C-alpha atoms as a PDB file:
ATOM      1  CA  UNK A   1       5.762   5.796  19.767  1.00  0.00           C
ATOM      2  CA  UNK A   2       5.678   8.917  17.510  1.00  0.00           C
ATOM      3  CA  UNK A   3       2.191  10.610  16.890  1.00  0.00           C
ATOM      4  CA  UNK A   4       0.754  11.282  13.173  1.00  0.00           C
ATOM      5  CA  UNK A   5       1.023  14.848  11.946  1.00  0.00           C
ATOM      6  CA  UNK A   6       1.048  16.514  15.341  1.00  0.00           C
ATOM      7  CA  UNK A   7      -1.687  14.600  17.171  1.00  0.00           C
ATOM      8  CA  UNK A   8      -0.338  13.943  20.352  1.00  0.00           C
ATOM      9  CA  UNK A   9      -1.324  10.637  22.468  1.00  0.00           C
ATOM     10  CA  UNK A  10      -2.652  10.339  25.859  1.00  0.00           C
ATOM     11  CA  UNK A  11      -0.780   8.847  28.154  1.00  0.00           C
ATOM     12  CA  UNK A  12      -1.544   6.813  31.253  1.00  0.00           C
ATOM     13  CA  UNK A  13      -0.344   9.671  33.088  1.00  0.00           C
ATOM     14  CA  UNK A  14      -2.463  12.656  31.883  1.00  0.00           C
ATOM     15  CA  UNK A  15      -5.514  10.087  31.093  1.00  0.00           C
ATOM     16  CA  UNK A  16      -7.623  10.313  28.265  1.00  0.00           C
ATOM     17  CA  UNK A  17      -8.568  13.552  26.434  1.00  0.00           C
ATOM     18  CA  UNK A  18     -11.819  14.898  25.309  1.00  0.00           C
ATOM     19  CA  UNK A  19     -11.621  16.445  21.860  1.00  0.00           C
ATOM     20  CA  UNK A  20     -13.425  19.242  20.529  1.00  0.00           C
ATOM     21  CA  UNK A  21     -15.665  17.275  18.481  1.00  0.00           C
ATOM     22  CA  UNK A  22     -16.745  14.647  20.812  1.00  0.00           C
ATOM     23  CA  UNK A  23     -14.118  11.932  20.162  1.00  0.00           C
ATOM     24  CA  UNK A  24     -12.030  10.516  22.920  1.00  0.00           C
ATOM     25  CA  UNK A  25      -8.154   9.963  22.434  1.00  0.00           C
ATOM     26  CA  UNK A  26      -7.725   7.098  24.658  1.00  0.00           C
ATOM     27  CA  UNK A  27      -6.116   3.893  23.785  1.00  0.00           C
ATOM     28  CA  UNK A  28      -9.095   1.978  24.585  1.00  0.00           C
ATOM     29  CA  UNK A  29     -11.964   3.866  22.662  1.00  0.00           C
ATOM     30  CA  UNK A  30     -14.026   1.341  20.526  1.00  0.00           C
ATOM     31  CA  UNK A  31     -13.697   1.877  16.724  1.00  0.00           C
ATOM     32  CA  UNK A  32     -17.458   1.252  16.467  1.00  0.00           C
ATOM     33  CA  UNK A  33     -18.130   3.700  18.994  1.00  0.00           C
ATOM     34  CA  UNK A  34     -15.981   6.308  17.041  1.00  0.00           C
ATOM     35  CA  UNK A  35     -17.478   4.999  14.017  1.00  0.00           C
ATOM     36  CA  UNK A  36     -21.091   5.585  15.147  1.00  0.00           C
ATOM     37  CA  UNK A  37     -20.565   9.182  16.344  1.00  0.00           C
ATOM     38  CA  UNK A  38     -18.373  10.661  13.749  1.00  0.00           C
ATOM     39  CA  UNK A  39     -19.486   8.978  10.850  1.00  0.00           C
ATOM     40  CA  UNK A  40     -22.313  11.760   9.775  1.00  0.00           C
ATOM     41  CA  UNK A  41     -20.384  15.025  10.837  1.00  0.00           C
ATOM     42  CA  UNK A  42     -17.773  13.151   8.843  1.00  0.00           C
ATOM     43  CA  UNK A  43     -19.970  12.820   5.537  1.00  0.00           C
ATOM     44  CA  UNK A  44     -21.174  16.119   5.859  1.00  0.00           C
ATOM     45  CA  UNK A  45     -17.936  17.944   5.875  1.00  0.00           C
ATOM     46  CA  UNK A  46     -16.957  15.598   2.745  1.00  0.00           C
ATOM     47  CA  UNK A  47     -19.995  16.982   0.965  1.00  0.00           C
ATOM     48  CA  UNK A  48     -19.393  20.361   1.492  1.00  0.00           C
ATOM     49  CA  UNK A  49     -15.757  19.965   0.167  1.00  0.00           C
ATOM     50  CA  UNK A  50     -16.700  17.826  -2.794  1.00  0.00           C
ATOM     51  CA  UNK A  51     -20.048  18.914  -3.654  1.00  0.00           C
ATOM     52  CA  UNK A  52     -21.755  15.632  -4.177  1.00  0.00           C
ATOM     53  CA  UNK A  53     -23.642  13.587  -1.350  1.00  0.00           C
ATOM     54  CA  UNK A  54     -22.895  10.209  -2.724  1.00  0.00           C
ATOM     55  CA  UNK A  55     -19.199  10.978  -3.415  1.00  0.00           C
ATOM     56  CA  UNK A  56     -18.972  12.353   0.293  1.00  0.00           C
ATOM     57  CA  UNK A  57     -20.311   8.947   1.481  1.00  0.00           C
ATOM     58  CA  UNK A  58     -17.525   7.169  -0.651  1.00  0.00           C
ATOM     59  CA  UNK A  59     -14.756   9.147   1.080  1.00  0.00           C
ATOM     60  CA  UNK A  60     -16.060   8.986   4.281  1.00  0.00           C
ATOM     61  CA  UNK A  61     -15.875   5.375   4.082  1.00  0.00           C
ATOM     62  CA  UNK A  62     -12.664   5.218   2.565  1.00  0.00           C
ATOM     63  CA  UNK A  63     -11.298   7.512   5.753  1.00  0.00           C
ATOM     64  CA  UNK A  64     -13.278   5.263   8.320  1.00  0.00           C
ATOM     65  CA  UNK A  65     -11.548   2.308   6.581  1.00  0.00           C
ATOM     66  CA  UNK A  66      -7.969   3.679   6.669  1.00  0.00           C
ATOM     67  CA  UNK A  67      -8.569   4.661  10.511  1.00  0.00           C
ATOM     68  CA  UNK A  68     -10.024   0.854  11.310  1.00  0.00           C
ATOM     69  CA  UNK A  69      -7.039  -0.589   9.704  1.00  0.00           C
ATOM     70  CA  UNK A  70      -4.567   1.657  11.715  1.00  0.00           C
ATOM     71  CA  UNK A  71      -7.168   1.980  14.726  1.00  0.00           C
ATOM     72  CA  UNK A  72      -4.369   0.727  17.197  1.00  0.00           C
ATOM     73  CA  UNK A  73      -2.332   3.959  16.224  1.00  0.00           C
ATOM     74  CA  UNK A  74      -5.121   6.264  15.369  1.00  0.00           C
ATOM     75  CA  UNK A  75      -7.133   5.420  19.165  1.00  0.00           C
ATOM     76  CA  UNK A  76      -4.006   6.679  20.787  1.00  0.00           C
ATOM     77  CA  UNK A  77      -4.248  10.416  19.411  1.00  0.00           C
ATOM     78  CA  UNK A  78      -5.614  12.888  21.448  1.00  0.00           C
ATOM     79  CA  UNK A  79      -8.199  13.531  18.730  1.00  0.00           C
ATOM     80  CA  UNK A  80      -8.943  10.621  16.592  1.00  0.00           C
ATOM     81  CA  UNK A  81     -12.095  12.788  15.270  1.00  0.00           C
ATOM     82  CA  UNK A  82      -9.588  15.501  13.773  1.00  0.00           C
ATOM     83  CA  UNK A  83      -7.456  12.936  12.040  1.00  0.00           C
ATOM     84  CA  UNK A  84     -10.429  11.582  10.562  1.00  0.00           C
ATOM     85  CA  UNK A  85     -11.424  14.948   9.282  1.00  0.00           C
ATOM     86  CA  UNK A  86      -8.052  15.348   7.917  1.00  0.00           C
ATOM     87  CA  UNK A  87      -7.966  12.222   5.949  1.00  0.00           C
ATOM     88  CA  UNK A  88     -11.164  13.011   4.575  1.00  0.00           C
ATOM     89  CA  UNK A  89     -10.028  16.582   3.469  1.00  0.00           C
ATOM     90  CA  UNK A  90      -7.312  15.301   1.977  1.00  0.00           C
ATOM     91  CA  UNK A  91      -9.298  12.621  -0.116  1.00  0.00           C
ATOM     92  CA  UNK A  92     -12.002  15.156  -1.112  1.00  0.00           C
ATOM     93  CA  UNK A  93      -8.822  17.366  -2.745  1.00  0.00           C
ATOM     94  CA  UNK A  94      -7.434  14.214  -4.488  1.00  0.00           C
ATOM     95  CA  UNK A  95     -11.221  13.219  -5.833  1.00  0.00           C
ATOM     96  CA  UNK A  96     -11.312  16.748  -7.108  1.00  0.00           C
ATOM     97  CA  UNK A  97      -8.021  16.894  -8.645  1.00  0.00           C
ATOM     98  CA  UNK A  98      -8.810  13.267 -10.399  1.00  0.00           C
ATOM     99  CA  UNK A  99     -12.153  14.515 -11.594  1.00  0.00           C
ATOM    100  CA  UNK A 100     -10.257  17.572 -13.232  1.00  0.00           C
ATOM    101  CA  UNK A 101      -7.910  15.517 -14.783  1.00  0.00           C
ATOM    102  CA  UNK A 102     -10.419  13.030 -16.250  1.00  0.00           C
ATOM    103  CA  UNK A 103     -12.549  16.344 -17.780  1.00  0.00           C
ATOM    104  CA  UNK A 104      -9.022  17.382 -19.364  1.00  0.00           C
ATOM    105  CA  UNK A 105      -8.481  14.119 -20.698  1.00  0.00           C
ATOM    106  CA  UNK A 106     -12.156  13.672 -22.147  1.00  0.00           C
ATOM    107  CA  UNK A 107     -11.487  17.156 -23.555  1.00  0.00           C
ATOM    108  CA  UNK A 108      -8.303  16.358 -25.166  1.00  0.00           C
ATOM    109  CA  UNK A 109      -9.754  13.214 -26.490  1.00  0.00           C
ATOM    110  CA  UNK A 110     -13.182  15.050 -27.852  1.00  0.00           C
ATOM    111  CA  UNK A 111     -10.973  17.522 -29.864  1.00  0.00           C
ATOM    112  CA  UNK A 112      -8.709  14.418 -31.084  1.00  0.00           C
ATOM    113  CA  UNK A 113     -11.341  12.391 -32.651  1.00  0.00           C
ATOM    114  CA  UNK A 114     -13.820  15.341 -33.718  1.00  0.00           C
ATOM    115  CA  UNK A 115     -17.446  15.273 -33.781  1.00  0.00           C
ATOM    116  CA  UNK A 116     -18.258  11.704 -34.041  1.00  0.00           C
ATOM    117  CA  UNK A 117     -21.214  12.062 -31.359  1.00  0.00           C
ATOM    118  CA  UNK A 118     -24.836  11.559 -32.316  1.00  0.00           C
ATOM    119  CA  UNK A 119     -26.414  14.915 -33.806  1.00  0.00           C
ATOM    120  CA  UNK A 120     -28.445  16.469 -30.756  1.00  0.00           C
ATOM    121  CA  UNK A 121     -30.898  18.607 -32.212  1.00  0.00           C
ATOM    122  CA  UNK A 122     -31.223  22.281 -31.048  1.00  0.00           C
ATOM    123  CA  UNK A 123     -34.497  21.290 -29.474  1.00  0.00           C
ATOM    124  CA  UNK A 124     -32.908  18.934 -27.496  1.00  0.00           C
ATOM    125  CA  UNK A 125     -30.141  21.424 -25.983  1.00  0.00           C
ATOM    126  CA  UNK A 126     -32.163  22.418 -22.916  1.00  0.00           C
ATOM    127  CA  UNK A 127     -33.032  18.828 -21.911  1.00  0.00           C
ATOM    128  CA  UNK A 128     -29.239  17.753 -22.238  1.00  0.00           C
ATOM    129  CA  UNK A 129     -28.552  21.132 -20.339  1.00  0.00           C
ATOM    130  CA  UNK A 130     -30.224  19.620 -17.630  1.00  0.00           C
ATOM    131  CA  UNK A 131     -28.684  16.788 -17.974  1.00  0.00           C
ATOM    132  CA  UNK A 132     -25.351  18.205 -17.335  1.00  0.00           C
ATOM    133  CA  UNK A 133     -26.695  19.817 -14.121  1.00  0.00           C
ATOM    134  CA  UNK A 134     -27.225  16.056 -12.749  1.00  0.00           C
ATOM    135  CA  UNK A 135     -24.723  14.522 -10.502  1.00  0.00           C
ATOM    136  CA  UNK A 136     -21.845  13.016 -12.537  1.00  0.00           C
ATOM    137  CA  UNK A 137     -22.978   9.593 -12.177  1.00  0.00           C
ATOM    138  CA  UNK A 138     -26.974  10.243 -12.861  1.00  0.00           C
ATOM    139  CA  UNK A 139     -25.822  12.161 -15.895  1.00  0.00           C
ATOM    140  CA  UNK A 140     -23.830   9.620 -17.280  1.00  0.00           C
ATOM    141  CA  UNK A 141     -26.202   7.064 -16.699  1.00  0.00           C
ATOM    142  CA  UNK A 142     -28.971   9.052 -18.522  1.00  0.00           C
ATOM    143  CA  UNK A 143     -26.583   9.879 -21.623  1.00  0.00           C
ATOM    144  CA  UNK A 144     -25.618   6.165 -21.930  1.00  0.00           C
ATOM    145  CA  UNK A 145     -29.176   4.982 -21.584  1.00  0.00           C
ATOM    146  CA  UNK A 146     -31.164   7.790 -23.842  1.00  0.00           C
ATOM    147  CA  UNK A 147     -28.294   9.092 -26.261  1.00  0.00           C
ATOM    148  CA  UNK A 148     -26.899   5.807 -27.185  1.00  0.00           C
ATOM    149  CA  UNK A 149     -29.737   3.467 -26.131  1.00  0.00           C
ATOM    150  CA  UNK A 150     -27.503   1.218 -23.641  1.00  0.00           C
ATOM    151  CA  UNK A 151     -29.496  -1.519 -21.956  1.00  0.00           C
ATOM    152  CA  UNK A 152     -29.265  -1.500 -17.832  1.00  0.00           C
ATOM    153  CA  UNK A 153     -26.719  -4.133 -18.086  1.00  0.00           C
ATOM    154  CA  UNK A 154     -24.602  -2.411 -20.614  1.00  0.00           C
ATOM    155  CA  UNK A 155     -24.594   0.636 -18.423  1.00  0.00           C
ATOM    156  CA  UNK A 156     -23.674  -1.367 -15.289  1.00  0.00           C
ATOM    157  CA  UNK A 157     -20.561  -2.530 -16.982  1.00  0.00           C
ATOM    158  CA  UNK A 158     -19.398   0.516 -18.432  1.00  0.00           C
ATOM    159  CA  UNK A 159     -19.397   2.359 -15.171  1.00  0.00           C
ATOM    160  CA  UNK A 160     -18.471  -0.584 -13.197  1.00  0.00           C
ATOM    161  CA  UNK A 161     -21.869  -0.490 -11.163  1.00  0.00           C
ATOM    162  CA  UNK A 162     -24.326  -2.781 -10.221  1.00  0.00           C
ATOM    163  CA  UNK A 163     -27.464  -2.779 -12.345  1.00  0.00           C
ATOM    164  CA  UNK A 164     -29.757  -1.799  -9.220  1.00  0.00           C
ATOM    165  CA  UNK A 165     -27.656   0.975  -8.548  1.00  0.00           C
ATOM    166  CA  UNK A 166     -27.958   1.932 -12.286  1.00  0.00           C
ATOM    167  CA  UNK A 167     -31.342   1.901 -12.036  1.00  0.00           C
ATOM    168  CA  UNK A 168     -31.740   4.010  -8.836  1.00  0.00           C
ATOM    169  CA  UNK A 169     -29.260   6.549 -10.650  1.00  0.00           C
ATOM    170  CA  UNK A 170     -31.826   6.636 -13.506  1.00  0.00           C
ATOM    171  CA  UNK A 171     -34.814   6.885 -11.292  1.00  0.00           C
ATOM    172  CA  UNK A 172     -33.380   9.930  -9.436  1.00  0.00           C
ATOM    173  CA  UNK A 173     -32.457  11.662 -12.799  1.00  0.00           C
ATOM    174  CA  UNK A 174     -35.631  11.265 -14.310  1.00  0.00           C
ATOM    175  CA  UNK A 175     -37.399  12.646 -10.978  1.00  0.00           C
ATOM    176  CA  UNK A 176     -34.971  15.610 -11.150  1.00  0.00           C
ATOM    177  CA  UNK A 177     -35.354  16.131 -14.723  1.00  0.00           C
ATOM    178  CA  UNK A 178     -39.166  15.774 -14.757  1.00  0.00           C
ATOM    179  CA  UNK A 179     -39.299  18.763 -11.720  1.00  0.00           C
ATOM    180  CA  UNK A 180     -36.524  20.905 -13.543  1.00  0.00           C
ATOM    181  CA  UNK A 181     -38.517  20.616 -17.145  1.00  0.00           C
ATOM    182  CA  UNK A 182     -41.790  21.055 -15.725  1.00  0.00           C
ATOM    183  CA  UNK A 183     -43.108  17.826 -16.565  1.00  0.00           C
ATOM    184  CA  UNK A 184     -45.137  15.570 -14.287  1.00  0.00           C
ATOM    185  CA  UNK A 185     -43.309  12.293 -13.214  1.00  0.00           C
ATOM    186  CA  UNK A 186     -45.319   9.248 -14.307  1.00  0.00           C
END
């Protein structure tokens, strides 16, 4: 069976090979053991590549899901850990490209429709600047909640999140904003 992108298979004649990152390339390698040993470092790599811990966890989970779906093949590679890192690196690049396309599309949409957003006073500029510095989902939740006065349920529907996730994003955002703006959190 051909190997995947240069990853060599271990054969019965050569025995299992130990990779540089600790995974063993052998047909009997247990996915659960592989996942437990590699998840945290892979999330760390994804976080460095995409700059967002939550997105990094999503990317790592997607990479491990891909590995699990083809585990019979991946477990035979000399270095399954290298394969999973390549997958998460590719997912991070794809994610960044997708986010750039979204930003460009939103900018075009904003120019096409003109200034139809609620008026934000100059005294609020510092606050909204701090909101823009939040992680993307937190900023979205804050803007929908406090600019558009949306309910938790509305925000959850708009962003396709669970209501509890919206509450967590709002909690973290309020804590961060209180610290950044020098206010004491209630």
